[in-house]
Amino acid sequence: VQLQASGGGLVQTGGSLRLSCAASGRTFSSVVMGWFRRAPGQGRKFVATINWSGSTIYYADSVEGRFTISRDNAKSTVYLQMNSLKAEDTAVYYCAAARAGPYTTEEEYDYWGRGTQVTVSS
C-alpha cells in the first residue's frame, strides 16, 4: 500500500484543517487506517484510527471531540477533519495502514505515508 498525505498548512488557533490520505496498491477497503503525529522534539503519537467499514473508531484523548476521522473506500482515501486547533496540535501528521486492527500503537501499522506539516499559530 502506498500512502500520500496532503492538506497540511498554517492555521490560526481555533481554526480548522482537513487532511487527506490517498492510498494505492492493496485493496483499500480491507485495511485499517490510522493517523499519527510527531511534534517537534517528541516521538510519533497516535491520533485516530478507523476500521475498514468505519464502524470502529478510536481517538487519542487529546483530540477527542475536536478531530474526526472518516474514510471513503470508493476513493481509497481517509480523512482527518481537525477543528478547534490548538498550538499543541502543531506536528507532522502521518497516515498509516494496517492489515488488522484497529490499533492505537504505531508498531501495529504496516505502511506509512511521508507526512504533512500542520502548524497552528497563536
C-alpha atoms as a PDB file:
ATOM      1  CA  VAL A   1       0.000   0.000   0.000  1.00  0.00           C
ATOM      2  CA  GLN A   2       1.344   3.415  -0.963  1.00  0.00           C
ATOM      3  CA  LEU A   3       0.053   6.342   1.052  1.00  0.00           C
ATOM      4  CA  GLN A   4       0.166  10.040   0.272  1.00  0.00           C
ATOM      5  CA  ALA A   5      -0.980  12.548   2.875  1.00  0.00           C
ATOM      6  CA  SER A   6      -1.962  16.104   1.993  1.00  0.00           C
ATOM      7  CA  GLY A   7      -3.870  19.068   3.339  1.00  0.00           C
ATOM      8  CA  GLY A   8      -1.459  20.374   5.933  1.00  0.00           C
ATOM      9  CA  GLY A   9      -0.649  24.021   6.304  1.00  0.00           C
ATOM     10  CA  LEU A  10      -0.580  27.035   8.571  1.00  0.00           C
ATOM     11  CA  VAL A  11      -3.726  27.907  10.514  1.00  0.00           C
ATOM     12  CA  GLN A  12      -4.557  30.140  13.448  1.00  0.00           C
ATOM     13  CA  THR A  13      -5.626  28.861  16.834  1.00  0.00           C
ATOM     14  CA  GLY A  14      -9.262  27.838  16.721  1.00  0.00           C
ATOM     15  CA  GLY A  15      -9.177  27.215  13.002  1.00  0.00           C
ATOM     16  CA  SER A  16      -9.783  24.048  11.006  1.00  0.00           C
ATOM     17  CA  LEU A  17      -7.974  21.876   8.505  1.00  0.00           C
ATOM     18  CA  ARG A  18      -8.843  18.683   6.719  1.00  0.00           C
ATOM     19  CA  LEU A  19      -6.107  16.196   5.978  1.00  0.00           C
ATOM     20  CA  SER A  20      -6.464  13.599   3.270  1.00  0.00           C
ATOM     21  CA  CYS A  21      -4.555  10.398   2.692  1.00  0.00           C
ATOM     22  CA  ALA A  22      -4.853   8.711  -0.681  1.00  0.00           C
ATOM     23  CA  ALA A  23      -3.960   5.039  -0.873  1.00  0.00           C
ATOM     24  CA  SER A  24      -2.973   2.874  -3.794  1.00  0.00           C
ATOM     25  CA  GLY A  25      -1.934  -0.740  -4.159  1.00  0.00           C
ATOM     26  CA  ARG A  26      -3.581  -3.250  -1.849  1.00  0.00           C
ATOM     27  CA  THR A  27      -7.371  -3.144  -1.688  1.00  0.00           C
ATOM     28  CA  PHE A  28      -8.044  -0.088   0.408  1.00  0.00           C
ATOM     29  CA  SER A  29     -11.324  -1.308   1.835  1.00  0.00           C
ATOM     30  CA  SER A  30      -9.565  -4.225   3.545  1.00  0.00           C
ATOM     31  CA  VAL A  31      -7.086  -2.201   5.573  1.00  0.00           C
ATOM     32  CA  VAL A  32      -7.370  -0.331   8.815  1.00  0.00           C
ATOM     33  CA  MET A  33      -6.286   3.300   8.572  1.00  0.00           C
ATOM     34  CA  GLY A  34      -4.754   5.494  11.202  1.00  0.00           C
ATOM     35  CA  TRP A  35      -3.354   8.968  11.762  1.00  0.00           C
ATOM     36  CA  PHE A  36      -0.328   9.694  13.908  1.00  0.00           C
ATOM     37  CA  ARG A  37       1.626  12.855  14.562  1.00  0.00           C
ATOM     38  CA  ARG A  38       5.113  13.881  15.584  1.00  0.00           C
ATOM     39  CA  ALA A  39       5.501  17.203  17.343  1.00  0.00           C
ATOM     40  CA  PRO A  40       8.900  18.929  17.473  1.00  0.00           C
ATOM     41  CA  GLY A  41      11.229  17.090  19.840  1.00  0.00           C
ATOM     42  CA  GLN A  42       8.752  14.291  20.506  1.00  0.00           C
ATOM     43  CA  GLY A  43       8.091  10.772  19.312  1.00  0.00           C
ATOM     44  CA  ARG A  44       5.302   9.825  16.959  1.00  0.00           C
ATOM     45  CA  LYS A  45       1.951   9.569  18.733  1.00  0.00           C
ATOM     46  CA  PHE A  46      -1.413   8.082  17.934  1.00  0.00           C
ATOM     47  CA  VAL A  47      -4.189  10.444  16.832  1.00  0.00           C
ATOM     48  CA  ALA A  48      -7.061   8.393  15.393  1.00  0.00           C
ATOM     49  CA  THR A  49      -7.874   5.121  13.699  1.00  0.00           C
ATOM     50  CA  ILE A  50     -10.780   3.677  11.729  1.00  0.00           C
ATOM     51  CA  ASN A  51     -11.592   0.143  10.679  1.00  0.00           C
ATOM     52  CA  TRP A  52     -12.476  -0.882   7.143  1.00  0.00           C
ATOM     53  CA  SER A  53     -16.207  -0.188   7.452  1.00  0.00           C
ATOM     54  CA  GLY A  54     -15.991   2.882   9.655  1.00  0.00           C
ATOM     55  CA  SER A  55     -17.894   1.117  12.419  1.00  0.00           C
ATOM     56  CA  THR A  56     -14.978   1.208  14.872  1.00  0.00           C
ATOM     57  CA  ILE A  57     -13.116   4.440  15.561  1.00  0.00           C
ATOM     58  CA  TYR A  58     -10.694   5.413  18.299  1.00  0.00           C
ATOM     59  CA  TYR A  59      -9.231   8.810  19.154  1.00  0.00           C
ATOM     60  CA  ALA A  60      -6.457   9.992  21.373  1.00  0.00           C
ATOM     61  CA  ASP A  61      -7.807  11.802  24.421  1.00  0.00           C
ATOM     62  CA  SER A  62      -6.061  14.979  23.311  1.00  0.00           C
ATOM     63  CA  VAL A  63      -8.131  15.224  20.107  1.00  0.00           C
ATOM     64  CA  GLU A  64     -11.421  13.599  21.146  1.00  0.00           C
ATOM     65  CA  GLY A  65     -14.312  15.903  20.299  1.00  0.00           C
ATOM     66  CA  ARG A  66     -12.219  18.114  18.018  1.00  0.00           C
ATOM     67  CA  PHE A  67     -10.962  15.742  15.325  1.00  0.00           C
ATOM     68  CA  THR A  68     -12.992  13.387  13.142  1.00  0.00           C
ATOM     69  CA  ILE A  69     -11.588  10.510  11.125  1.00  0.00           C
ATOM     70  CA  SER A  70     -13.520   9.154   8.174  1.00  0.00           C
ATOM     71  CA  ARG A  71     -12.898   7.167   5.021  1.00  0.00           C
ATOM     72  CA  ASP A  72     -14.260   6.852   1.524  1.00  0.00           C
ATOM     73  CA  ASN A  73     -13.467   3.375   0.249  1.00  0.00           C
ATOM     74  CA  ALA A  74     -14.661   4.230  -3.246  1.00  0.00           C
ATOM     75  CA  LYS A  75     -11.974   6.925  -3.391  1.00  0.00           C
ATOM     76  CA  SER A  76      -9.373   4.944  -1.402  1.00  0.00           C
ATOM     77  CA  THR A  77      -8.989   7.939   0.859  1.00  0.00           C
ATOM     78  CA  VAL A  78      -9.045   8.539   4.592  1.00  0.00           C
ATOM     79  CA  TYR A  79      -9.646  11.975   6.065  1.00  0.00           C
ATOM     80  CA  LEU A  80      -8.888  13.748   9.302  1.00  0.00           C
ATOM     81  CA  GLN A  81     -11.082  16.765   9.958  1.00  0.00           C
ATOM     82  CA  MET A  82      -9.401  18.916  12.574  1.00  0.00           C
ATOM     83  CA  ASN A  83     -11.419  21.629  14.300  1.00  0.00           C
ATOM     84  CA  SER A  84     -10.685  23.983  17.186  1.00  0.00           C
ATOM     85  CA  LEU A  85      -6.997  23.630  16.536  1.00  0.00           C
ATOM     86  CA  LYS A  86      -4.544  24.452  19.296  1.00  0.00           C
ATOM     87  CA  ALA A  87      -0.867  25.326  19.249  1.00  0.00           C
ATOM     88  CA  GLU A  88      -0.114  21.892  20.699  1.00  0.00           C
ATOM     89  CA  ASP A  89      -1.600  20.282  17.586  1.00  0.00           C
ATOM     90  CA  THR A  90       1.418  21.537  15.633  1.00  0.00           C
ATOM     91  CA  ALA A  91       3.139  18.466  14.232  1.00  0.00           C
ATOM     92  CA  VAL A  92       3.895  16.421  11.172  1.00  0.00           C
ATOM     93  CA  TYR A  93       0.861  14.225  10.577  1.00  0.00           C
ATOM     94  CA  TYR A  94       1.268  10.742   9.141  1.00  0.00           C
ATOM     95  CA  CYS A  95      -1.296   8.350   7.786  1.00  0.00           C
ATOM     96  CA  ALA A  96      -0.746   4.647   8.159  1.00  0.00           C
ATOM     97  CA  ALA A  97      -2.373   1.380   7.152  1.00  0.00           C
ATOM     98  CA  ALA A  98      -2.601  -1.922   8.980  1.00  0.00           C
ATOM     99  CA  ARG A  99      -3.711  -5.377   7.868  1.00  0.00           C
ATOM    100  CA  ALA A 100      -5.661  -5.840  11.094  1.00  0.00           C
ATOM    101  CA  GLY A 101      -6.933  -3.770  13.974  1.00  0.00           C
ATOM    102  CA  PRO A 102      -7.774  -1.060  14.582  1.00  0.00           C
ATOM    103  CA  TYR A 103      -4.760  -0.352  16.784  1.00  0.00           C
ATOM    104  CA  THR A 104      -3.521   2.678  18.613  1.00  0.00           C
ATOM    105  CA  THR A 105       0.197   1.842  18.588  1.00  0.00           C
ATOM    106  CA  GLU A 106       2.440   2.592  15.639  1.00  0.00           C
ATOM    107  CA  GLU A 107       4.168  -0.783  15.820  1.00  0.00           C
ATOM    108  CA  GLU A 108       0.996  -2.451  14.551  1.00  0.00           C
ATOM    109  CA  TYR A 109       0.914  -0.457  11.317  1.00  0.00           C
ATOM    110  CA  ASP A 110       2.497  -1.888   8.202  1.00  0.00           C
ATOM    111  CA  TYR A 111       2.508   1.007   5.761  1.00  0.00           C
ATOM    112  CA  TRP A 112       3.269   4.691   6.243  1.00  0.00           C
ATOM    113  CA  GLY A 113       2.938   7.873   4.243  1.00  0.00           C
ATOM    114  CA  ARG A 114       5.550  10.627   4.263  1.00  0.00           C
ATOM    115  CA  GLY A 115       3.641  13.070   6.437  1.00  0.00           C
ATOM    116  CA  THR A 116       2.204  16.542   6.085  1.00  0.00           C
ATOM    117  CA  GLN A 117       3.065  19.521   8.275  1.00  0.00           C
ATOM    118  CA  VAL A 118       0.378  21.214  10.336  1.00  0.00           C
ATOM    119  CA  THR A 119       1.322  24.443  12.081  1.00  0.00           C
ATOM    120  CA  VAL A 120      -1.084  26.201  14.425  1.00  0.00           C
ATOM    121  CA  SER A 121      -0.146  29.761  15.294  1.00  0.00           C
ATOM    122  CA  SER A 122      -1.416  31.623  18.325  1.00  0.00           C
END
